[in-house]
C-alpha atoms as a PDB file:
ATOM      1  CA  MET A   1      94.599 154.323 211.005  1.00  0.00           C
ATOM      2  CA  THR A   2      96.568 152.782 213.867  1.00  0.00           C
ATOM      3  CA  GLU A   3      98.845 149.909 212.883  1.00  0.00           C
ATOM      4  CA  LYS A   4      97.408 146.442 213.438  1.00  0.00           C
ATOM      5  CA  PHE A   5      99.544 143.753 215.040  1.00  0.00           C
ATOM      6  CA  LYS A   6      99.249 139.990 214.835  1.00  0.00           C
ATOM      7  CA  PHE A   7      99.098 138.058 218.130  1.00  0.00           C
ATOM      8  CA  THR A   8      98.702 134.392 218.962  1.00  0.00           C
ATOM      9  CA  VAL A   9      96.633 134.110 222.133  1.00  0.00           C
ATOM     10  CA  GLY A  10      95.642 130.703 223.442  1.00  0.00           C
ATOM     11  CA  GLY A  11      96.430 129.189 220.067  1.00  0.00           C
ATOM     12  CA  VAL A  12      94.199 131.698 218.241  1.00  0.00           C
ATOM     13  CA  GLU A  13      95.547 134.320 215.849  1.00  0.00           C
ATOM     14  CA  VAL A  14      94.262 137.806 216.590  1.00  0.00           C
ATOM     15  CA  PHE A  15      94.814 141.076 214.686  1.00  0.00           C
ATOM     16  CA  LEU A  16      94.422 144.177 216.846  1.00  0.00           C
ATOM     17  CA  SER A  17      95.343 147.840 216.911  1.00  0.00           C
ATOM     18  CA  LYS A  18      95.133 150.338 219.732  1.00  0.00           C
ATOM     19  CA  GLU A  19      92.233 151.936 217.884  1.00  0.00           C
ATOM     20  CA  ASP A  20      90.407 148.578 217.724  1.00  0.00           C
ATOM     21  CA  VAL A  21      90.652 148.167 221.480  1.00  0.00           C
ATOM     22  CA  GLU A  22      89.380 151.684 222.126  1.00  0.00           C
ATOM     23  CA  GLN A  23      86.452 151.144 219.755  1.00  0.00           C
ATOM     24  CA  LYS A  24      85.443 147.769 221.230  1.00  0.00           C
ATOM     25  CA  LEU A  25      85.543 149.050 224.822  1.00  0.00           C
ATOM     26  CA  ARG A  26      83.824 152.364 224.171  1.00  0.00           C
ATOM     27  CA  THR A  27      80.467 151.165 225.545  1.00  0.00           C
ATOM     28  CA  ILE A  28      81.822 148.567 228.010  1.00  0.00           C
ATOM     29  CA  GLU A  29      81.897 149.356 231.710  1.00  0.00           C
ATOM     30  CA  PRO A  30      84.980 148.173 233.641  1.00  0.00           C
ATOM     31  CA  GLU A  31      84.651 145.326 236.113  1.00  0.00           C
ATOM     32  CA  ASN A  32      86.289 145.373 239.536  1.00  0.00           C
ATOM     33  CA  ILE A  33      90.077 145.374 239.260  1.00  0.00           C
ATOM     34  CA  ARG A  34      91.719 142.688 241.359  1.00  0.00           C
ATOM     35  CA  GLU A  35      95.287 143.181 240.244  1.00  0.00           C
ATOM     36  CA  VAL A  36      96.496 144.150 236.771  1.00  0.00           C
ATOM     37  CA  SER A  37      94.653 146.745 234.733  1.00  0.00           C
ATOM     38  CA  VAL A  38      94.955 148.446 231.370  1.00  0.00           C
ATOM     39  CA  GLU A  39      93.950 152.042 230.687  1.00  0.00           C
ATOM     40  CA  VAL A  40      91.792 152.534 227.596  1.00  0.00           C
ATOM     41  CA  SER A  41      90.294 155.939 226.744  1.00  0.00           C
ATOM     42  CA  GLY A  42      90.742 157.135 230.318  1.00  0.00           C
ATOM     43  CA  LYS A  43      89.115 154.071 231.926  1.00  0.00           C
ATOM     44  CA  ARG A  44      90.927 151.248 233.746  1.00  0.00           C
ATOM     45  CA  TYR A  45      89.857 147.703 232.911  1.00  0.00           C
ATOM     46  CA  PRO A  46      91.004 144.324 234.232  1.00  0.00           C
ATOM     47  CA  VAL A  47      93.357 143.081 231.514  1.00  0.00           C
ATOM     48  CA  LYS A  48      91.431 139.862 230.891  1.00  0.00           C
ATOM     49  CA  GLN A  49      88.120 141.681 230.537  1.00  0.00           C
ATOM     50  CA  ALA A  50      89.686 144.141 228.119  1.00  0.00           C
ATOM     51  CA  LEU A  51      91.243 141.531 225.859  1.00  0.00           C
ATOM     52  CA  SER A  52      88.176 139.310 225.949  1.00  0.00           C
ATOM     53  CA  GLU A  53      85.963 142.168 224.806  1.00  0.00           C
ATOM     54  CA  ALA A  54      88.438 143.559 222.273  1.00  0.00           C
ATOM     55  CA  ALA A  55      89.321 140.246 220.627  1.00  0.00           C
ATOM     56  CA  GLY A  56      86.181 138.186 221.244  1.00  0.00           C
ATOM     57  CA  LEU A  57      88.071 135.536 223.215  1.00  0.00           C
ATOM     58  CA  LEU A  58      86.826 133.397 226.099  1.00  0.00           C
ATOM     59  CA  ARG A  59      88.647 134.413 229.260  1.00  0.00           C
ATOM     60  CA  GLY A  60      89.433 130.825 230.203  1.00  0.00           C
ATOM     61  CA  ASN A  61      91.490 130.423 227.028  1.00  0.00           C
ATOM     62  CA  PHE A  62      94.247 132.894 227.941  1.00  0.00           C
ATOM     63  CA  THR A  63      96.075 134.268 230.963  1.00  0.00           C
ATOM     64  CA  SER A  64      96.517 137.758 232.355  1.00  0.00           C
ATOM     65  CA  HIS A  65     100.063 137.761 231.059  1.00  0.00           C
ATOM     66  CA  ASP A  66      98.872 136.899 227.559  1.00  0.00           C
ATOM     67  CA  ALA A  67      96.707 140.015 227.778  1.00  0.00           C
ATOM     68  CA  MET A  68      99.551 142.092 229.206  1.00  0.00           C
ATOM     69  CA  ARG A  69     101.784 141.042 226.310  1.00  0.00           C
ATOM     70  CA  VAL A  70      99.161 142.264 223.831  1.00  0.00           C
ATOM     71  CA  PHE A  71      98.571 145.601 225.527  1.00  0.00           C
ATOM     72  CA  ARG A  72     102.281 146.283 225.955  1.00  0.00           C
ATOM     73  CA  LYS A  73     102.741 145.826 222.228  1.00  0.00           C
ATOM     74  CA  LEU A  74      99.861 148.230 221.599  1.00  0.00           C
ATOM     75  CA  SER A  75     101.443 150.805 223.958  1.00  0.00           C
ATOM     76  CA  LEU A  76      98.422 150.883 226.258  1.00  0.00           C
ATOM     77  CA  PRO A  77      99.380 151.846 229.837  1.00  0.00           C
ATOM     78  CA  MET A  78      98.983 149.228 232.543  1.00  0.00           C
ATOM     79  CA  GLY A  79      98.899 149.420 236.294  1.00  0.00           C
ATOM     80  CA  THR A  80      98.221 147.348 239.366  1.00  0.00           C
ATOM     81  CA  GLY A  81      95.313 147.181 241.736  1.00  0.00           C
ATOM     82  CA  PRO A  82      95.040 145.569 245.163  1.00  0.00           C
ATOM     83  CA  GLY A  83      96.993 142.305 245.457  1.00  0.00           C
ATOM     84  CA  ASP A  84      94.860 139.168 245.307  1.00  0.00           C
ATOM     85  CA  VAL A  85      96.290 135.770 246.235  1.00  0.00           C
ATOM     86  CA  SER A  86      93.697 134.100 244.007  1.00  0.00           C
ATOM     87  CA  THR A  87      95.645 135.312 240.970  1.00  0.00           C
ATOM     88  CA  TYR A  88      98.728 133.284 241.905  1.00  0.00           C
ATOM     89  CA  PRO A  89      97.579 129.977 240.404  1.00  0.00           C
ATOM     90  CA  GLU A  90      97.337 131.727 237.045  1.00  0.00           C
ATOM     91  CA  ARG A  91     100.762 133.281 237.516  1.00  0.00           C
ATOM     92  CA  PHE A  92     102.358 129.904 238.276  1.00  0.00           C
ATOM     93  CA  PHE A  93     100.557 128.396 235.288  1.00  0.00           C
ATOM     94  CA  THR A  94     101.957 131.212 233.166  1.00  0.00           C
ATOM     95  CA  ALA A  95     105.437 130.473 234.543  1.00  0.00           C
ATOM     96  CA  ILE A  96     105.170 126.948 233.100  1.00  0.00           C
ATOM     97  CA  LYS A  97     103.984 128.394 229.814  1.00  0.00           C
ATOM     98  CA  SER A  98     106.831 130.928 229.764  1.00  0.00           C
ATOM     99  CA  LEU A  99     109.414 128.227 230.525  1.00  0.00           C
ATOM    100  CA  ASN A 100     107.964 126.067 227.777  1.00  0.00           C
ATOM    101  CA  GLU A 101     108.330 128.913 225.275  1.00  0.00           C
ATOM    102  CA  PHE A 102     111.967 129.379 226.361  1.00  0.00           C
ATOM    103  CA  ASP A 103     112.539 125.632 226.107  1.00  0.00           C
ATOM    104  CA  HIS A 104     111.077 125.519 222.608  1.00  0.00           C
ATOM    105  CA  ALA A 105     113.198 128.441 221.438  1.00  0.00           C
ATOM    106  CA  GLU A 106     116.526 127.654 223.104  1.00  0.00           C
ATOM    107  CA  VAL A 107     116.775 123.974 224.073  1.00  0.00           C
ATOM    108  CA  ARG A 108     114.394 121.628 222.290  1.00  0.00           C
ATOM    109  CA  GLY A 109     115.902 122.074 218.849  1.00  0.00           C
ATOM    110  CA  VAL A 110     119.387 121.284 220.131  1.00  0.00           C
ATOM    111  CA  ILE A 111     118.229 118.045 221.777  1.00  0.00           C
ATOM    112  CA  GLY A 112     116.258 117.028 218.715  1.00  0.00           C
ATOM    113  CA  GLY A 113     119.263 117.684 216.484  1.00  0.00           C
ATOM    114  CA  LEU A 114     121.710 115.469 218.360  1.00  0.00           C
ATOM    115  CA  VAL A 115     123.335 112.810 216.183  1.00  0.00           C
ATOM    116  CA  ALA A 116     125.334 109.724 217.166  1.00  0.00           C
ATOM    117  CA  LYS A 117     123.914 109.845 220.690  1.00  0.00           C
ATOM    118  CA  THR A 118     125.732 108.013 223.467  1.00  0.00           C
ATOM    119  CA  ASP A 119     123.832 106.007 226.085  1.00  0.00           C
ATOM    120  CA  ARG A 120     124.324 108.947 228.454  1.00  0.00           C
ATOM    121  CA  ASP A 121     122.891 111.349 225.867  1.00  0.00           C
ATOM    122  CA  ASN A 122     119.877 109.072 225.490  1.00  0.00           C
ATOM    123  CA  CYS A 123     119.312 109.022 229.253  1.00  0.00           C
ATOM    124  CA  PHE A 124     119.265 112.799 229.499  1.00  0.00           C
ATOM    125  CA  ALA A 125     117.160 113.186 226.352  1.00  0.00           C
ATOM    126  CA  GLY A 126     114.719 110.464 227.426  1.00  0.00           C
ATOM    127  CA  ILE A 127     114.060 112.013 230.843  1.00  0.00           C
ATOM    128  CA  TYR A 128     113.837 115.461 229.254  1.00  0.00           C
ATOM    129  CA  TYR A 129     111.246 114.334 226.680  1.00  0.00           C
ATOM    130  CA  ARG A 130     109.140 112.581 229.306  1.00  0.00           C
ATOM    131  CA  GLY A 131     109.138 115.765 231.355  1.00  0.00           C
ATOM    132  CA  LYS A 132     108.276 117.789 228.266  1.00  0.00           C
ATOM    133  CA  ALA A 133     105.255 115.532 227.619  1.00  0.00           C
ATOM    134  CA  ASN A 134     104.023 116.185 231.161  1.00  0.00           C
ATOM    135  CA  VAL A 135     104.429 119.924 230.664  1.00  0.00           C
ATOM    136  CA  GLU A 136     102.375 119.819 227.470  1.00  0.00           C
ATOM    137  CA  SER A 137      99.634 117.996 229.388  1.00  0.00           C
ATOM    138  CA  LEU A 138      99.789 120.514 232.241  1.00  0.00           C
ATOM    139  CA  LEU A 139      99.306 123.389 229.825  1.00  0.00           C
ATOM    140  CA  SER A 140      95.905 121.950 228.881  1.00  0.00           C
ATOM    141  CA  LEU A 141      94.740 121.840 232.528  1.00  0.00           C
ATOM    142  CA  LYS A 142      93.627 124.996 234.318  1.00  0.00           C
ATOM    143  CA  GLY A 143      90.326 124.326 236.096  1.00  0.00           C
ATOM    144  CA  VAL A 144      89.577 123.342 239.695  1.00  0.00           C
ATOM    145  CA  LYS A 145      88.156 120.084 238.350  1.00  0.00           C
ATOM    146  CA  ASP A 146      91.611 119.186 237.042  1.00  0.00           C
ATOM    147  CA  VAL A 147      93.429 119.438 240.384  1.00  0.00           C
ATOM    148  CA  GLN A 148      93.997 115.674 240.714  1.00  0.00           C
ATOM    149  CA  ALA A 149      95.494 115.445 237.227  1.00  0.00           C
ATOM    150  CA  ILE A 150      97.599 118.558 237.868  1.00  0.00           C
ATOM    151  CA  THR A 151      98.900 116.971 241.084  1.00  0.00           C
ATOM    152  CA  MET A 152      99.858 113.698 239.384  1.00  0.00           C
ATOM    153  CA  LEU A 153     101.703 115.507 236.594  1.00  0.00           C
ATOM    154  CA  ALA A 154     103.540 117.758 239.060  1.00  0.00           C
ATOM    155  CA  ARG A 155     104.619 114.706 241.062  1.00  0.00           C
ATOM    156  CA  SER A 156     105.893 113.031 237.897  1.00  0.00           C
ATOM    157  CA  LEU A 157     107.895 116.141 237.006  1.00  0.00           C
ATOM    158  CA  PHE A 158     109.435 116.054 240.480  1.00  0.00           C
ATOM    159  CA  GLU A 159     110.491 112.445 239.901  1.00  0.00           C
ATOM    160  CA  PHE A 160     111.930 113.274 236.468  1.00  0.00           C
ATOM    161  CA  ALA A 161     113.874 116.191 237.954  1.00  0.00           C
ATOM    162  CA  ALA A 162     115.239 113.872 240.647  1.00  0.00           C
ATOM    163  CA  ASP A 163     116.152 111.216 238.075  1.00  0.00           C
ATOM    164  CA  ILE A 164     118.090 113.594 235.874  1.00  0.00           C
ATOM    165  CA  LYS A 165     120.086 114.876 238.874  1.00  0.00           C
ATOM    166  CA  LEU A 166     120.739 111.330 240.127  1.00  0.00           C
ATOM    167  CA  ILE A 167     122.596 110.410 236.941  1.00  0.00           C
ATOM    168  CA  ASP A 168     125.752 112.015 238.336  1.00  0.00           C
ATOM    169  CA  VAL A 169     125.174 110.638 241.855  1.00  0.00           C
ATOM    170  CA  ILE A 170     124.339 106.933 241.449  1.00  0.00           C
ATOM    171  CA  PRO A 171     127.234 104.701 240.288  1.00  0.00           C
ATOM    172  CA  ASP A 172     126.687 103.198 236.791  1.00  0.00           C
ATOM    173  CA  ALA A 173     123.477 105.256 236.483  1.00  0.00           C
ATOM    174  CA  VAL A 174     123.397 105.216 232.681  1.00  0.00           C
ATOM    175  CA  LYS A 175     123.668 101.425 232.492  1.00  0.00           C
ATOM    176  CA  LYS A 176     121.063 101.036 235.234  1.00  0.00           C
ATOM    177  CA  ILE A 177     118.582 103.352 233.504  1.00  0.00           C
ATOM    178  CA  ARG A 178     118.971 101.548 230.179  1.00  0.00           C
ATOM    179  CA  THR A 179     118.620  98.101 231.782  1.00  0.00           C
ATOM    180  CA  PHE A 180     115.698  99.168 233.978  1.00  0.00           C
ATOM    181  CA  SER A 181     113.804 100.374 230.906  1.00  0.00           C
ATOM    182  CA  GLU A 182     114.156  96.941 229.308  1.00  0.00           C
ATOM    183  CA  VAL A 183     113.264  95.150 232.549  1.00  0.00           C
ATOM    184  CA  GLU A 184     110.045  97.178 232.747  1.00  0.00           C
ATOM    185  CA  MET A 185     109.223  96.399 229.106  1.00  0.00           C
ATOM    186  CA  LEU A 186     109.740  92.694 229.752  1.00  0.00           C
ATOM    187  CA  ARG A 187     107.636  92.823 232.904  1.00  0.00           C
ATOM    188  CA  ALA A 188     104.780  94.495 231.037  1.00  0.00           C
ATOM    189  CA  ALA A 189     104.999  92.011 228.145  1.00  0.00           C
ATOM    190  CA  GLU A 190     104.903  89.063 230.556  1.00  0.00           C
ATOM    191  CA  ARG A 191     101.772  90.429 232.220  1.00  0.00           C
ATOM    192  CA  VAL A 192      99.955  90.729 228.892  1.00  0.00           C
ATOM    193  CA  VAL A 193     100.967  87.221 227.802  1.00  0.00           C
ATOM    194  CA  LYS A 194     100.045  85.762 231.197  1.00  0.00           C
ATOM    195  CA  PHE A 195      96.587  87.347 231.031  1.00  0.00           C
ATOM    196  CA  LYS A 196      96.003  86.056 227.502  1.00  0.00           C
ATOM    197  CA  SER A 197      97.096  82.582 228.519  1.00  0.00           C
ATOM    198  CA  ALA A 198      94.639  82.571 231.433  1.00  0.00           C
ATOM    199  CA  ASN A 199      91.868  84.090 229.281  1.00  0.00           C
ATOM    200  CA  PRO A 200      92.265  82.646 225.765  1.00  0.00           C
ATOM    201  CA  THR A 201      88.898  84.004 224.590  1.00  0.00           C
ATOM    202  CA  ALA A 202      89.766  87.595 225.558  1.00  0.00           C
ATOM    203  CA  SER A 203      90.082  90.001 222.616  1.00  0.00           C
ATOM    204  CA  VAL A 204      93.740  90.671 223.382  1.00  0.00           C
ATOM    205  CA  ASP A 205      96.490  90.255 220.813  1.00  0.00           C
ATOM    206  CA  SER A 206      99.597  89.231 222.741  1.00  0.00           C
ATOM    207  CA  SER A 207     101.641  88.115 219.733  1.00  0.00           C
ATOM    208  CA  VAL A 208     103.947  91.150 219.720  1.00  0.00           C
ATOM    209  CA  HIS A 209     104.575  90.788 223.451  1.00  0.00           C
ATOM    210  CA  ALA A 210     105.224  87.042 223.130  1.00  0.00           C
ATOM    211  CA  GLU A 211     107.728  87.706 220.352  1.00  0.00           C
ATOM    212  CA  PHE A 212     109.512  90.295 222.481  1.00  0.00           C
ATOM    213  CA  ILE A 213     109.752  87.812 225.355  1.00  0.00           C
ATOM    214  CA  LYS A 214     111.055  85.061 223.064  1.00  0.00           C
ATOM    215  CA  ASN A 215     113.784  87.267 221.590  1.00  0.00           C
ATOM    216  CA  ASN A 216     114.846  89.228 224.657  1.00  0.00           C
ATOM    217  CA  ALA A 217     113.841  87.622 227.974  1.00  0.00           C
ATOM    218  CA  ALA A 218     117.003  85.588 228.563  1.00  0.00           C
ATOM    219  CA  ARG A 219     119.306  88.515 227.762  1.00  0.00           C
ATOM    220  CA  ILE A 220     117.376  91.024 229.862  1.00  0.00           C
ATOM    221  CA  LYS A 221     117.142  88.732 232.901  1.00  0.00           C
ATOM    222  CA  ALA A 222     120.851  87.960 232.722  1.00  0.00           C
ATOM    223  CA  GLU A 223     121.684  91.657 232.526  1.00  0.00           C
ATOM    224  CA  GLN A 224     119.343  92.386 235.432  1.00  0.00           C
ATOM    225  CA  LYS A 225     121.238  89.914 237.616  1.00  0.00           C
ATOM    226  CA  THR A 226     124.529  91.522 236.608  1.00  0.00           C
ATOM    227  CA  VAL A 227     123.393  95.099 237.248  1.00  0.00           C
ATOM    228  CA  TRP A 228     121.480  94.397 240.486  1.00  0.00           C
ATOM    229  CA  PRO A 229     122.987  91.193 241.906  1.00  0.00           C
ATOM    230  CA  GLY A 230     120.795  89.565 244.534  1.00  0.00           C
ATOM    231  CA  ALA A 231     117.782  91.808 243.879  1.00  0.00           C
ATOM    232  CA  THR A 232     114.602  89.872 243.115  1.00  0.00           C
ATOM    233  CA  LYS A 233     112.582  92.912 242.068  1.00  0.00           C
ATOM    234  CA  VAL A 234     113.854  96.381 241.209  1.00  0.00           C
ATOM    235  CA  ARG A 235     111.238  99.113 241.653  1.00  0.00           C
ATOM    236  CA  HIS A 236     113.506 101.986 240.552  1.00  0.00           C
ATOM    237  CA  TRP A 237     116.808 101.946 238.711  1.00  0.00           C
ATOM    238  CA  SER A 238     118.569 103.576 241.672  1.00  0.00           C
ATOM    239  CA  GLU A 239     117.211 100.924 244.106  1.00  0.00           C
ATOM    240  CA  LEU A 240     116.003 103.813 246.276  1.00  0.00           C
ATOM    241  CA  ASP A 241     112.461 104.864 247.105  1.00  0.00           C
ATOM    242  CA  LEU A 242     111.479 108.455 246.411  1.00  0.00           C
ATOM    243  CA  ARG A 243     112.153 109.640 249.977  1.00  0.00           C
ATOM    244  CA  ALA A 244     115.675 108.194 249.870  1.00  0.00           C
ATOM    245  CA  ARG A 245     116.296 109.765 246.458  1.00  0.00           C
ATOM    246  CA  ALA A 246     115.201 113.166 247.740  1.00  0.00           C
ATOM    247  CA  LYS A 247     117.326 112.822 250.878  1.00  0.00           C
ATOM    248  CA  LEU A 248     120.367 111.854 248.800  1.00  0.00           C
ATOM    249  CA  LEU A 249     119.969 114.866 246.479  1.00  0.00           C
ATOM    250  CA  LYS A 250     119.352 117.275 249.386  1.00  0.00           C
ATOM    251  CA  ALA A 251     117.958 120.770 248.633  1.00  0.00           C
ATOM    252  CA  PRO A 252     115.514 121.453 247.136  1.00  0.00           C
ATOM    253  CA  PHE A 253     114.388 117.834 246.734  1.00  0.00           C
ATOM    254  CA  ASP A 254     114.355 116.891 250.428  1.00  0.00           C
ATOM    255  CA  GLU A 255     112.173 119.863 251.382  1.00  0.00           C
ATOM    256  CA  ILE A 256     109.815 119.294 248.458  1.00  0.00           C
ATOM    257  CA  TYR A 257     109.341 115.670 249.451  1.00  0.00           C
ATOM    258  CA  GLU A 258     109.022 116.147 253.201  1.00  0.00           C
ATOM    259  CA  VAL A 259     106.893 119.312 253.108  1.00  0.00           C
ATOM    260  CA  LYS A 260     105.146 119.699 249.757  1.00  0.00           C
ATOM    261  CA  TYR A 261     104.241 116.021 249.457  1.00  0.00           C
ATOM    262  CA  ALA A 262     102.916 115.974 253.017  1.00  0.00           C
ATOM    263  CA  GLU A 263     100.754 119.024 252.316  1.00  0.00           C
ATOM    264  CA  LEU A 264      99.480 117.435 249.118  1.00  0.00           C
ATOM    265  CA  SER A 265      98.524 114.238 250.907  1.00  0.00           C
ATOM    266  CA  TRP A 266      96.820 116.201 253.666  1.00  0.00           C
ATOM    267  CA  TYR A 267      94.637 118.181 251.257  1.00  0.00           C
ATOM    268  CA  THR A 268      93.965 115.183 249.015  1.00  0.00           C
ATOM    269  CA  HIS A 269      92.647 113.094 251.902  1.00  0.00           C
ATOM    270  CA  ALA A 270      90.916 116.059 253.539  1.00  0.00           C
ATOM    271  CA  ALA A 271      88.944 116.554 250.343  1.00  0.00           C
ATOM    272  CA  GLY A 272      88.052 112.890 250.192  1.00  0.00           C
ATOM    273  CA  LEU A 273      86.994 110.382 252.812  1.00  0.00           C
ATOM    274  CA  THR A 274      87.533 112.513 255.917  1.00  0.00           C
ATOM    275  CA  GLY A 275      84.633 114.733 254.963  1.00  0.00           C
ATOM    276  CA  PHE A 276      86.281 118.128 255.362  1.00  0.00           C
ATOM    277  CA  ASN A 277      84.428 120.874 253.545  1.00  0.00           C
ATOM    278  CA  ILE A 278      87.090 122.198 251.162  1.00  0.00           C
ATOM    279  CA  LYS A 279      86.071 125.368 249.327  1.00  0.00           C
ATOM    280  CA  SER A 280      86.591 125.740 245.597  1.00  0.00           C
ATOM    281  CA  GLU A 281      89.038 128.600 246.283  1.00  0.00           C
ATOM    282  CA  THR A 282      91.190 126.163 248.252  1.00  0.00           C
ATOM    283  CA  PHE A 283      91.260 123.760 245.315  1.00  0.00           C
ATOM    284  CA  LYS A 284      92.331 126.625 243.084  1.00  0.00           C
ATOM    285  CA  LEU A 285      95.190 127.520 245.421  1.00  0.00           C
ATOM    286  CA  LEU A 286      96.141 123.847 245.663  1.00  0.00           C
ATOM    287  CA  ALA A 287      96.342 123.743 241.870  1.00  0.00           C
ATOM    288  CA  GLY A 288      98.523 126.854 242.062  1.00  0.00           C
ATOM    289  CA  CYS A 289     100.900 125.094 244.474  1.00  0.00           C
ATOM    290  CA  GLN A 290     101.193 122.228 242.000  1.00  0.00           C
ATOM    291  CA  PHE A 291     101.857 124.608 239.107  1.00  0.00           C
ATOM    292  CA  ALA A 292     104.593 126.222 241.221  1.00  0.00           C
ATOM    293  CA  LEU A 293     106.151 122.815 241.973  1.00  0.00           C
ATOM    294  CA  ALA A 294     105.919 121.813 238.312  1.00  0.00           C
ATOM    295  CA  ALA A 295     107.543 125.054 237.159  1.00  0.00           C
ATOM    296  CA  ASN A 296     110.442 124.623 239.586  1.00  0.00           C
ATOM    297  CA  CYS A 297     111.005 121.015 238.523  1.00  0.00           C
ATOM    298  CA  TYR A 298     110.750 121.932 234.850  1.00  0.00           C
ATOM    299  CA  ALA A 299     113.417 124.603 235.373  1.00  0.00           C
ATOM    300  CA  ILE A 300     115.650 121.977 237.043  1.00  0.00           C
ATOM    301  CA  LEU A 301     115.200 119.658 234.042  1.00  0.00           C
ATOM    302  CA  ILE A 302     116.041 122.380 231.539  1.00  0.00           C
ATOM    303  CA  THR A 303     119.067 123.509 233.567  1.00  0.00           C
ATOM    304  CA  ALA A 304     120.394 119.939 233.715  1.00  0.00           C
ATOM    305  CA  VAL A 305     120.081 119.657 229.932  1.00  0.00           C
ATOM    306  CA  ILE A 306     121.810 123.023 229.436  1.00  0.00           C
ATOM    307  CA  ASP A 307     124.707 121.836 231.607  1.00  0.00           C
ATOM    308  CA  GLU A 308     124.967 118.367 230.098  1.00  0.00           C
ATOM    309  CA  PHE A 309     125.045 119.534 226.492  1.00  0.00           C
ATOM    310  CA  HIS A 310     127.124 122.666 227.212  1.00  0.00           C
ATOM    311  CA  LEU A 311     124.562 125.051 225.725  1.00  0.00           C
ATOM    312  CA  SER A 312     126.199 127.935 227.575  1.00  0.00           C
ATOM    313  CA  LYS A 313     129.061 127.762 225.074  1.00  0.00           C
ATOM    314  CA  ALA A 314     126.697 129.051 222.373  1.00  0.00           C
ATOM    315  CA  ASP A 315     124.966 131.557 224.684  1.00  0.00           C
ATOM    316  CA  ALA A 316     126.785 132.500 227.874  1.00  0.00           C
ATOM    317  CA  ARG A 317     123.591 134.051 229.267  1.00  0.00           C
ATOM    318  CA  ILE A 318     121.222 131.179 228.513  1.00  0.00           C
ATOM    319  CA  LYS A 319     120.652 130.425 232.205  1.00  0.00           C
ATOM    320  CA  SER A 320     119.853 134.078 232.834  1.00  0.00           C
ATOM    321  CA  HIS A 321     117.285 133.912 230.034  1.00  0.00           C
ATOM    322  CA  LEU A 322     115.847 130.828 231.723  1.00  0.00           C
ATOM    323  CA  LYS A 323     115.537 132.682 235.039  1.00  0.00           C
ATOM    324  CA  PHE A 324     113.896 135.603 233.258  1.00  0.00           C
ATOM    325  CA  ALA A 325     111.337 133.275 231.628  1.00  0.00           C
ATOM    326  CA  HIS A 326     110.599 131.743 235.035  1.00  0.00           C
ATOM    327  CA  ARG A 327     110.172 135.056 236.863  1.00  0.00           C
ATOM    328  CA  VAL A 328     108.635 137.403 234.291  1.00  0.00           C
ATOM    329  CA  PRO A 329     105.052 136.202 234.953  1.00  0.00           C
ATOM    330  CA  PHE A 330     105.334 137.812 238.388  1.00  0.00           C
ATOM    331  CA  THR A 331     105.865 141.292 236.981  1.00  0.00           C
ATOM    332  CA  ASP A 332     102.828 143.547 236.571  1.00  0.00           C
ATOM    333  CA  THR A 333     104.111 146.575 234.715  1.00  0.00           C
ATOM    334  CA  ASP A 334     106.558 147.494 231.983  1.00  0.00           C
ATOM    335  CA  GLU A 335     108.785 149.056 234.632  1.00  0.00           C
ATOM    336  CA  GLN A 336     108.901 145.846 236.679  1.00  0.00           C
ATOM    337  CA  GLU A 337     109.665 143.732 233.617  1.00  0.00           C
ATOM    338  CA  ASP A 338     112.405 146.162 232.551  1.00  0.00           C
ATOM    339  CA  ALA A 339     113.903 146.054 236.038  1.00  0.00           C
ATOM    340  CA  LEU A 340     113.940 142.253 236.000  1.00  0.00           C
ATOM    341  CA  LYS A 341     115.523 142.253 232.553  1.00  0.00           C
ATOM    342  CA  GLN A 342     118.188 144.683 233.751  1.00  0.00           C
ATOM    343  CA  GLU A 343     118.868 142.546 236.850  1.00  0.00           C
ATOM    344  CA  LEU A 344     119.247 139.276 234.942  1.00  0.00           C
ATOM    345  CA  LEU A 345     120.365 140.271 231.459  1.00  0.00           C
ATOM    346  CA  GLY A 346     122.017 143.651 231.904  1.00  0.00           C
END
């Protein structure tokens, strides 16, 4: 009896052996191979078809690289078929997933274990955790119908990546971030209280917000005047709009803003009121572009955290492991993965 292995695929635990796969696929005819295939009993199957049939999983619940990971462990040979650009959205999605797994294993525990944090520590950790929350949301979105949500989350990750890099560029950034957070809390509380005052019968409990205003408004407004003298309304802690932030940071932020954002706007409006007939394949590729942007920005966030908290002291090759996690979804065979590992990790 061939040894069974335990896998977690799409959050589901699966126990499989090479013999199980061969048995399940014995009467199944292979579908057309678009890119990556696995050889089972002399037949080549698309990896997602093979794993779906062998493990009883819905194909939408896992990626090609999840399947490749399983079949590599089972020592089933894989190969490539004709290249297909339509597979790239899944690859970029998998890059986010791979980065998240690296983050969870190498970075997240260190950030969570920090004690006696300084205000600067809190700034880095706060931006990092907000980005992490966006990544977790992105990992639940894969369909064409989700393209608007994917776009919004990718844009937010771009802004978080810019914010974390601006900390060392904008004078008094840490103080400005801390004060801006309180200014925004006060602004939100005042809106709730104002609405309740104008609509006393509304089923809105504004007592917590009123208490916050009573205890903190004078202090926060005084600090706002000190931090941003002469400014009547601060829309971002840096006092710069997103274009100016990107221009200040230069590459890759300026190109992302001027090119990627323009393309996003073009497709968003083309799919809306202008009446262009956008095909579903185009939406899928658009989602792929957003996954690619999100993955790049997520890698920037993680790298900034690695640098700030000197994680390279514990593992001199941690950034190389990060690059490997980012790029491994674009390998198709064991040989390609081994070559990438040799290039980055030696």
